[in-house]
Amino acid sequence: MNPMPRRVVTGLNEQGKSCIIFDGVVPDPGGSGVGMIWRTDAIPADNAGNAEAADRPFDFEVMHSGGSAFLVVEYPPGMGQDGPMWHATDTIDYIVVLAGEVVLAVESDEVTLCAGDFFVDRGVVHAWRNDGDAPARIAVVNLPAEPVGKGRTV
């Protein structure tokens, strides 16, 4: 797949005027294929300052920090075919498939999502799989939510 996509982030300059503070490739601080576009430690977010907010690798605790996370995730061909990684989160996740195809499996069903498809995960048990020959890329926004069903996987 192509390198991580471009990320542009706004802020304020020293004169208090709007400006571009970051313009470059989405950081992948853990080298895991999960690019952290931006994250906040709380909701509502504190938009003050111009510090980098995407410099920590993604892990499930990021999703449950009480803040938000905006990610880009890559799934290589064959990912998940050796056995799904079932999980649930105490988040609501807004997802857009940017490239390729991924299979979303839930306990009672599954669906193939293609580039351009939108998906809302409401914290239920699910797993991802890439049955195709090409990498898949999704964009995800995680926001805190009350647990449903079995609650988050630890």
N, C-alpha and C. Protein backbone atom coordinates (compact mmCIF):
# COMPACT_ATOMS: atom_id res chain seq x y z
N MET A 1 0.86 -1.18 0.00
CA MET A 1 0.00 0.00 0.00
C MET A 1 0.89 1.23 0.00
N ASN A 2 0.35 2.34 -0.44
CA ASN A 2 1.08 3.60 -0.43
C ASN A 2 1.44 3.98 0.99
N PRO A 3 2.38 4.90 1.17
CA PRO A 3 2.70 5.37 2.52
C PRO A 3 1.45 5.94 3.19
N MET A 4 1.55 6.09 4.49
CA MET A 4 0.43 6.70 5.23
C MET A 4 0.02 7.99 4.52
N PRO A 5 -1.28 8.31 4.58
CA PRO A 5 -1.75 9.53 3.91
C PRO A 5 -1.24 10.79 4.60
N ARG A 6 -1.48 11.90 3.95
CA ARG A 6 -1.10 13.22 4.46
C ARG A 6 -2.03 13.63 5.60
N ARG A 7 -1.46 14.35 6.56
CA ARG A 7 -2.22 14.89 7.69
C ARG A 7 -1.95 16.38 7.77
N VAL A 8 -3.01 17.16 7.86
CA VAL A 8 -2.90 18.61 8.03
C VAL A 8 -3.66 18.97 9.30
N VAL A 9 -3.00 19.72 10.19
CA VAL A 9 -3.59 20.11 11.48
C VAL A 9 -3.46 21.62 11.64
N THR A 10 -4.54 22.25 12.06
CA THR A 10 -4.53 23.70 12.26
C THR A 10 -4.26 24.05 13.73
N GLY A 11 -3.92 25.29 13.94
CA GLY A 11 -3.70 25.83 15.28
C GLY A 11 -3.64 27.34 15.18
N LEU A 12 -3.02 27.94 16.18
CA LEU A 12 -2.84 29.39 16.19
C LEU A 12 -1.35 29.71 16.22
N ASN A 13 -0.94 30.75 15.47
CA ASN A 13 0.45 31.17 15.50
C ASN A 13 0.70 32.12 16.68
N GLU A 14 1.90 32.64 16.79
CA GLU A 14 2.26 33.50 17.92
C GLU A 14 1.46 34.80 17.95
N GLN A 15 0.89 35.18 16.82
CA GLN A 15 0.05 36.39 16.77
C GLN A 15 -1.42 36.06 17.01
N GLY A 16 -1.74 34.82 17.31
CA GLY A 16 -3.12 34.42 17.56
C GLY A 16 -3.93 34.21 16.30
N LYS A 17 -3.27 34.12 15.15
CA LYS A 17 -3.97 33.90 13.89
C LYS A 17 -3.95 32.42 13.53
N SER A 18 -5.01 31.99 12.85
CA SER A 18 -5.07 30.59 12.44
C SER A 18 -3.94 30.28 11.48
N CYS A 19 -3.40 29.05 11.62
CA CYS A 19 -2.29 28.64 10.78
C CYS A 19 -2.27 27.12 10.68
N ILE A 20 -1.41 26.62 9.83
CA ILE A 20 -1.17 25.19 9.72
C ILE A 20 0.02 24.87 10.62
N ILE A 21 -0.18 23.95 11.59
CA ILE A 21 0.92 23.61 12.49
C ILE A 21 1.60 22.29 12.11
N PHE A 22 0.88 21.40 11.44
CA PHE A 22 1.47 20.16 10.95
C PHE A 22 0.96 19.89 9.55
N ASP A 23 1.86 19.51 8.67
CA ASP A 23 1.51 19.14 7.30
C ASP A 23 2.51 18.09 6.86
N GLY A 24 2.08 16.84 6.86
CA GLY A 24 2.99 15.76 6.49
C GLY A 24 2.29 14.42 6.62
N VAL A 25 3.07 13.38 6.55
CA VAL A 25 2.55 12.02 6.60
C VAL A 25 2.01 11.73 8.00
N VAL A 26 0.91 10.98 8.08
CA VAL A 26 0.33 10.56 9.36
C VAL A 26 1.39 9.80 10.15
N PRO A 27 1.66 10.18 11.41
CA PRO A 27 2.64 9.47 12.22
C PRO A 27 2.18 8.05 12.55
N ASP A 28 3.12 7.12 12.54
CA ASP A 28 2.89 5.74 12.97
C ASP A 28 3.94 5.45 14.05
N PRO A 29 3.75 6.03 15.26
CA PRO A 29 4.80 5.98 16.28
C PRO A 29 5.19 4.58 16.72
N GLY A 30 4.32 3.61 16.60
CA GLY A 30 4.65 2.26 17.00
C GLY A 30 5.11 1.39 15.85
N GLY A 31 5.05 1.90 14.61
CA GLY A 31 5.44 1.13 13.45
C GLY A 31 4.54 -0.06 13.19
N SER A 32 3.28 0.02 13.65
CA SER A 32 2.37 -1.12 13.61
C SER A 32 1.37 -1.08 12.45
N GLY A 33 1.42 -0.03 11.63
CA GLY A 33 0.41 0.12 10.59
C GLY A 33 -0.84 0.81 11.11
N VAL A 34 -0.79 1.32 12.34
CA VAL A 34 -1.88 2.12 12.90
C VAL A 34 -1.35 3.54 13.06
N GLY A 35 -1.77 4.41 12.15
CA GLY A 35 -1.33 5.80 12.20
C GLY A 35 -2.23 6.61 13.11
N MET A 36 -1.62 7.35 14.01
CA MET A 36 -2.37 8.21 14.93
C MET A 36 -2.47 9.59 14.29
N ILE A 37 -3.65 9.91 13.78
CA ILE A 37 -3.84 11.21 13.15
C ILE A 37 -3.88 12.30 14.22
N TRP A 38 -4.66 12.06 15.27
CA TRP A 38 -4.76 13.01 16.39
C TRP A 38 -5.43 12.32 17.55
N ARG A 39 -5.20 12.78 18.74
CA ARG A 39 -5.91 12.26 19.90
C ARG A 39 -6.07 13.37 20.93
N THR A 40 -7.08 13.23 21.75
CA THR A 40 -7.28 14.17 22.85
C THR A 40 -7.37 13.36 24.14
N ASP A 41 -7.06 14.00 25.24
CA ASP A 41 -7.09 13.32 26.53
C ASP A 41 -8.44 13.45 27.23
N ALA A 42 -9.30 14.32 26.72
CA ALA A 42 -10.60 14.54 27.36
C ALA A 42 -11.59 15.03 26.32
N ILE A 43 -12.86 14.94 26.70
CA ILE A 43 -13.94 15.52 25.90
C ILE A 43 -14.75 16.40 26.84
N PRO A 44 -14.95 17.68 26.55
CA PRO A 44 -14.53 18.34 25.32
C PRO A 44 -13.01 18.47 25.26
N ALA A 45 -12.51 18.55 24.03
CA ALA A 45 -11.08 18.64 23.79
C ALA A 45 -10.55 20.03 24.16
N ASP A 46 -9.30 20.06 24.57
CA ASP A 46 -8.60 21.32 24.83
C ASP A 46 -7.83 21.66 23.55
N ASN A 47 -8.27 22.66 22.82
CA ASN A 47 -7.63 23.02 21.56
C ASN A 47 -6.50 24.03 21.73
N ALA A 48 -6.14 24.36 22.96
CA ALA A 48 -5.06 25.31 23.20
C ALA A 48 -3.72 24.64 22.90
N GLY A 49 -2.75 25.44 22.53
CA GLY A 49 -1.40 24.95 22.30
C GLY A 49 -1.23 24.32 20.93
N ASN A 50 0.03 24.07 20.59
CA ASN A 50 0.36 23.50 19.29
C ASN A 50 1.21 22.25 19.42
N ALA A 51 1.15 21.60 20.55
CA ALA A 51 1.96 20.40 20.76
C ALA A 51 1.43 19.24 19.92
N GLU A 52 2.34 18.38 19.49
CA GLU A 52 1.98 17.17 18.76
C GLU A 52 1.14 16.28 19.67
N ALA A 53 -0.01 15.84 19.17
CA ALA A 53 -0.90 14.97 19.96
C ALA A 53 -0.95 13.57 19.41
N ALA A 54 -0.14 13.28 18.40
CA ALA A 54 -0.20 11.97 17.76
C ALA A 54 1.12 11.22 17.91
N ASP A 55 1.87 11.52 18.97
CA ASP A 55 3.21 10.95 19.10
C ASP A 55 3.26 9.70 19.97
N ARG A 56 2.12 9.21 20.43
CA ARG A 56 2.09 7.98 21.23
C ARG A 56 1.49 6.86 20.40
N PRO A 57 2.07 5.65 20.47
CA PRO A 57 1.51 4.53 19.71
C PRO A 57 0.10 4.20 20.18
N PHE A 58 -0.68 3.63 19.27
CA PHE A 58 -2.03 3.21 19.60
C PHE A 58 -1.99 1.91 20.40
N ASP A 59 -2.84 1.83 21.41
CA ASP A 59 -3.16 0.57 22.07
C ASP A 59 -4.60 0.71 22.58
N PHE A 60 -5.17 -0.38 23.06
CA PHE A 60 -6.57 -0.32 23.47
C PHE A 60 -6.81 0.67 24.60
N GLU A 61 -5.81 0.95 25.41
CA GLU A 61 -5.99 1.93 26.49
C GLU A 61 -6.22 3.33 25.94
N VAL A 62 -5.64 3.62 24.76
CA VAL A 62 -5.87 4.91 24.13
C VAL A 62 -7.37 5.10 23.90
N MET A 63 -8.03 4.01 23.49
CA MET A 63 -9.46 4.10 23.21
C MET A 63 -10.28 4.35 24.46
N HIS A 64 -9.75 4.01 25.61
CA HIS A 64 -10.50 4.10 26.85
C HIS A 64 -9.93 5.15 27.79
N SER A 65 -9.30 6.16 27.22
CA SER A 65 -8.66 7.20 28.03
C SER A 65 -9.63 8.31 28.44
N GLY A 66 -10.85 8.29 27.90
CA GLY A 66 -11.80 9.36 28.18
C GLY A 66 -11.73 10.47 27.15
N GLY A 67 -10.79 10.36 26.23
CA GLY A 67 -10.65 11.34 25.17
C GLY A 67 -11.09 10.75 23.84
N SER A 68 -10.53 11.30 22.77
CA SER A 68 -10.86 10.82 21.43
C SER A 68 -9.59 10.39 20.72
N ALA A 69 -9.75 9.56 19.71
CA ALA A 69 -8.62 9.17 18.87
C ALA A 69 -9.10 9.15 17.42
N PHE A 70 -8.24 9.62 16.53
CA PHE A 70 -8.50 9.62 15.09
C PHE A 70 -7.35 8.85 14.47
N LEU A 71 -7.66 7.69 13.88
CA LEU A 71 -6.64 6.75 13.41
C LEU A 71 -6.81 6.40 11.95
N VAL A 72 -5.73 5.94 11.35
CA VAL A 72 -5.81 5.27 10.07
C VAL A 72 -5.16 3.90 10.30
N VAL A 73 -5.87 2.83 9.88
CA VAL A 73 -5.44 1.46 10.15
C VAL A 73 -5.28 0.72 8.84
N GLU A 74 -4.18 -0.03 8.72
CA GLU A 74 -3.93 -0.83 7.53
C GLU A 74 -4.07 -2.31 7.88
N TYR A 75 -4.77 -3.05 7.01
CA TYR A 75 -4.94 -4.48 7.17
C TYR A 75 -4.31 -5.18 5.96
N PRO A 76 -3.21 -5.91 6.16
CA PRO A 76 -2.57 -6.60 5.03
C PRO A 76 -3.43 -7.76 4.53
N PRO A 77 -3.22 -8.19 3.31
CA PRO A 77 -3.95 -9.36 2.80
C PRO A 77 -3.75 -10.56 3.73
N GLY A 78 -4.83 -11.29 3.98
CA GLY A 78 -4.76 -12.47 4.84
C GLY A 78 -4.88 -12.19 6.32
N MET A 79 -4.88 -10.92 6.73
CA MET A 79 -4.97 -10.59 8.14
C MET A 79 -6.27 -11.14 8.73
N GLY A 80 -6.17 -11.83 9.86
CA GLY A 80 -7.34 -12.35 10.54
C GLY A 80 -7.78 -13.73 10.08
N GLN A 81 -7.17 -14.27 9.03
CA GLN A 81 -7.59 -15.58 8.53
C GLN A 81 -7.08 -16.72 9.39
N ASP A 82 -6.08 -16.46 10.22
CA ASP A 82 -5.57 -17.50 11.13
C ASP A 82 -6.38 -17.57 12.42
N GLY A 83 -7.38 -16.77 12.52
CA GLY A 83 -8.23 -16.71 13.70
C GLY A 83 -8.51 -15.26 14.04
N PRO A 84 -9.76 -14.93 14.20
CA PRO A 84 -10.11 -13.53 14.44
C PRO A 84 -9.71 -13.08 15.84
N MET A 85 -9.39 -11.79 15.95
CA MET A 85 -9.13 -11.18 17.25
C MET A 85 -10.44 -10.51 17.70
N TRP A 86 -11.29 -11.29 18.36
CA TRP A 86 -12.57 -10.77 18.84
C TRP A 86 -12.31 -9.76 19.94
N HIS A 87 -13.05 -8.66 19.90
CA HIS A 87 -12.91 -7.63 20.93
C HIS A 87 -14.15 -6.74 20.95
N ALA A 88 -14.31 -6.04 22.04
CA ALA A 88 -15.36 -5.02 22.18
C ALA A 88 -14.74 -3.83 22.87
N THR A 89 -15.32 -2.67 22.68
CA THR A 89 -14.78 -1.46 23.28
C THR A 89 -15.90 -0.67 23.95
N ASP A 90 -15.52 0.15 24.91
CA ASP A 90 -16.47 1.08 25.51
C ASP A 90 -16.35 2.41 24.77
N THR A 91 -16.54 2.31 23.44
CA THR A 91 -16.45 3.48 22.57
C THR A 91 -17.54 3.39 21.52
N ILE A 92 -17.79 4.51 20.86
CA ILE A 92 -18.52 4.49 19.61
C ILE A 92 -17.48 4.86 18.56
N ASP A 93 -17.43 4.07 17.49
CA ASP A 93 -16.40 4.24 16.49
C ASP A 93 -17.04 4.56 15.14
N TYR A 94 -16.59 5.64 14.54
CA TYR A 94 -17.03 6.03 13.21
C TYR A 94 -15.92 5.64 12.24
N ILE A 95 -16.24 4.80 11.27
CA ILE A 95 -15.23 4.19 10.41
C ILE A 95 -15.60 4.41 8.95
N VAL A 96 -14.58 4.72 8.14
CA VAL A 96 -14.73 4.85 6.70
C VAL A 96 -13.66 3.96 6.06
N VAL A 97 -14.08 3.11 5.13
CA VAL A 97 -13.11 2.30 4.39
C VAL A 97 -12.54 3.19 3.29
N LEU A 98 -11.23 3.38 3.33
CA LEU A 98 -10.57 4.26 2.37
C LEU A 98 -10.07 3.51 1.14
N ALA A 99 -9.62 2.26 1.34
CA ALA A 99 -9.07 1.48 0.22
C ALA A 99 -9.24 0.00 0.53
N GLY A 100 -9.41 -0.78 -0.51
CA GLY A 100 -9.51 -2.23 -0.36
C GLY A 100 -10.84 -2.67 0.21
N GLU A 101 -10.84 -3.89 0.74
CA GLU A 101 -12.03 -4.48 1.35
C GLU A 101 -11.65 -5.16 2.65
N VAL A 102 -12.53 -5.07 3.65
CA VAL A 102 -12.36 -5.78 4.91
C VAL A 102 -13.68 -6.46 5.27
N VAL A 103 -13.56 -7.59 5.94
CA VAL A 103 -14.74 -8.28 6.43
C VAL A 103 -14.90 -7.92 7.89
N LEU A 104 -16.08 -7.43 8.24
CA LEU A 104 -16.44 -7.15 9.62
C LEU A 104 -17.27 -8.34 10.10
N ALA A 105 -16.79 -9.03 11.12
CA ALA A 105 -17.52 -10.15 11.71
C ALA A 105 -18.06 -9.73 13.06
N VAL A 106 -19.32 -10.05 13.31
CA VAL A 106 -19.93 -9.91 14.63
C VAL A 106 -20.38 -11.31 15.05
N GLU A 107 -20.86 -11.46 16.26
CA GLU A 107 -21.14 -12.80 16.77
C GLU A 107 -22.15 -13.59 15.93
N SER A 108 -23.06 -12.91 15.26
CA SER A 108 -24.11 -13.62 14.54
C SER A 108 -24.12 -13.37 13.04
N ASP A 109 -23.11 -12.65 12.51
CA ASP A 109 -23.16 -12.28 11.10
C ASP A 109 -21.81 -11.75 10.67
N GLU A 110 -21.67 -11.48 9.37
CA GLU A 110 -20.51 -10.76 8.87
C GLU A 110 -20.89 -10.05 7.58
N VAL A 111 -20.11 -9.01 7.26
CA VAL A 111 -20.38 -8.20 6.09
C VAL A 111 -19.04 -7.74 5.53
N THR A 112 -18.97 -7.65 4.19
CA THR A 112 -17.77 -7.13 3.55
C THR A 112 -17.96 -5.65 3.31
N LEU A 113 -17.00 -4.86 3.77
CA LEU A 113 -17.02 -3.42 3.59
C LEU A 113 -15.98 -3.05 2.54
N CYS A 114 -16.36 -2.18 1.60
CA CYS A 114 -15.50 -1.80 0.49
C CYS A 114 -15.16 -0.31 0.57
N ALA A 115 -14.14 0.08 -0.19
CA ALA A 115 -13.74 1.48 -0.23
C ALA A 115 -14.96 2.37 -0.46
N GLY A 116 -15.10 3.38 0.37
CA GLY A 116 -16.23 4.29 0.30
C GLY A 116 -17.35 3.96 1.26
N ASP A 117 -17.32 2.77 1.87
CA ASP A 117 -18.37 2.39 2.83
C ASP A 117 -18.12 3.04 4.18
N PHE A 118 -19.21 3.34 4.89
CA PHE A 118 -19.18 3.90 6.24
C PHE A 118 -19.71 2.85 7.20
N PHE A 119 -19.19 2.84 8.41
CA PHE A 119 -19.58 1.86 9.41
C PHE A 119 -19.57 2.53 10.78
N VAL A 120 -20.57 2.25 11.60
CA VAL A 120 -20.62 2.72 12.98
C VAL A 120 -20.59 1.50 13.89
N ASP A 121 -19.54 1.40 14.71
CA ASP A 121 -19.45 0.33 15.70
C ASP A 121 -19.87 0.90 17.04
N ARG A 122 -20.87 0.30 17.63
CA ARG A 122 -21.43 0.79 18.88
C ARG A 122 -20.94 -0.04 20.08
N GLY A 123 -19.67 -0.47 20.02
CA GLY A 123 -19.04 -1.13 21.16
C GLY A 123 -19.33 -2.61 21.28
N VAL A 124 -19.88 -3.25 20.26
CA VAL A 124 -20.22 -4.66 20.36
C VAL A 124 -19.02 -5.54 20.03
N VAL A 125 -19.11 -6.80 20.38
CA VAL A 125 -18.05 -7.76 20.07
C VAL A 125 -17.94 -7.90 18.55
N HIS A 126 -16.70 -7.76 18.03
CA HIS A 126 -16.48 -7.84 16.59
C HIS A 126 -15.03 -8.22 16.31
N ALA A 127 -14.76 -8.52 15.04
CA ALA A 127 -13.41 -8.83 14.58
C ALA A 127 -13.29 -8.38 13.13
N TRP A 128 -12.04 -8.17 12.68
CA TRP A 128 -11.76 -7.75 11.32
C TRP A 128 -10.97 -8.84 10.60
N ARG A 129 -11.17 -8.91 9.27
CA ARG A 129 -10.44 -9.87 8.45
C ARG A 129 -10.26 -9.28 7.05
N ASN A 130 -9.12 -9.52 6.44
CA ASN A 130 -8.91 -9.11 5.06
C ASN A 130 -8.75 -10.36 4.22
N ASP A 131 -9.80 -10.74 3.49
CA ASP A 131 -9.78 -11.92 2.63
C ASP A 131 -9.22 -11.63 1.24
N GLY A 132 -8.95 -10.38 0.94
CA GLY A 132 -8.52 -9.99 -0.40
C GLY A 132 -7.03 -10.17 -0.63
N ASP A 133 -6.62 -9.84 -1.85
CA ASP A 133 -5.22 -9.91 -2.25
C ASP A 133 -4.51 -8.57 -2.09
N ALA A 134 -5.25 -7.53 -1.72
CA ALA A 134 -4.68 -6.19 -1.60
C ALA A 134 -4.84 -5.70 -0.17
N PRO A 135 -3.95 -4.81 0.28
CA PRO A 135 -4.11 -4.22 1.60
C PRO A 135 -5.41 -3.41 1.66
N ALA A 136 -5.93 -3.27 2.86
CA ALA A 136 -7.11 -2.42 3.09
C ALA A 136 -6.70 -1.33 4.06
N ARG A 137 -7.35 -0.18 3.95
CA ARG A 137 -7.06 0.95 4.83
C ARG A 137 -8.38 1.54 5.29
N ILE A 138 -8.51 1.76 6.60
CA ILE A 138 -9.71 2.39 7.15
C ILE A 138 -9.31 3.60 7.99
N ALA A 139 -10.22 4.56 8.09
CA ALA A 139 -10.08 5.69 9.01
C ALA A 139 -11.08 5.48 10.12
N VAL A 140 -10.65 5.73 11.37
CA VAL A 140 -11.48 5.46 12.54
C VAL A 140 -11.44 6.65 13.49
N VAL A 141 -12.61 7.04 14.01
CA VAL A 141 -12.69 8.00 15.10
C VAL A 141 -13.30 7.26 16.29
N ASN A 142 -12.54 7.19 17.41
CA ASN A 142 -13.03 6.55 18.64
C ASN A 142 -13.44 7.63 19.63
N LEU A 143 -14.66 7.49 20.17
CA LEU A 143 -15.16 8.40 21.21
C LEU A 143 -15.67 7.57 22.38
N PRO A 144 -15.53 8.05 23.61
CA PRO A 144 -16.01 7.28 24.76
C PRO A 144 -17.51 7.03 24.69
N ALA A 145 -17.92 5.87 25.20
CA ALA A 145 -19.34 5.51 25.24
C ALA A 145 -19.59 4.61 26.45
N GLU A 146 -20.82 4.57 26.86
CA GLU A 146 -21.21 3.64 27.92
C GLU A 146 -21.13 2.22 27.37
N PRO A 147 -20.70 1.24 28.18
CA PRO A 147 -20.59 -0.13 27.68
C PRO A 147 -21.95 -0.73 27.33
N VAL A 148 -21.93 -1.62 26.33
CA VAL A 148 -23.12 -2.39 25.95
C VAL A 148 -22.73 -3.87 25.96
N GLY A 149 -23.72 -4.74 26.01
CA GLY A 149 -23.45 -6.18 25.92
C GLY A 149 -22.42 -6.62 26.93
N LYS A 150 -21.37 -7.24 26.45
CA LYS A 150 -20.31 -7.76 27.32
C LYS A 150 -19.32 -6.69 27.76
N GLY A 151 -19.46 -5.48 27.25
CA GLY A 151 -18.51 -4.43 27.62
C GLY A 151 -17.16 -4.65 26.95
N ARG A 152 -16.22 -3.82 27.30
CA ARG A 152 -14.94 -3.85 26.60
C ARG A 152 -14.13 -5.09 26.90
N THR A 153 -13.35 -5.48 25.92
CA THR A 153 -12.41 -6.59 26.05
C THR A 153 -11.15 -6.04 26.67
N VAL A 154 -10.62 -6.74 27.62
CA VAL A 154 -9.36 -6.30 28.26
C VAL A 154 -8.24 -7.18 27.77
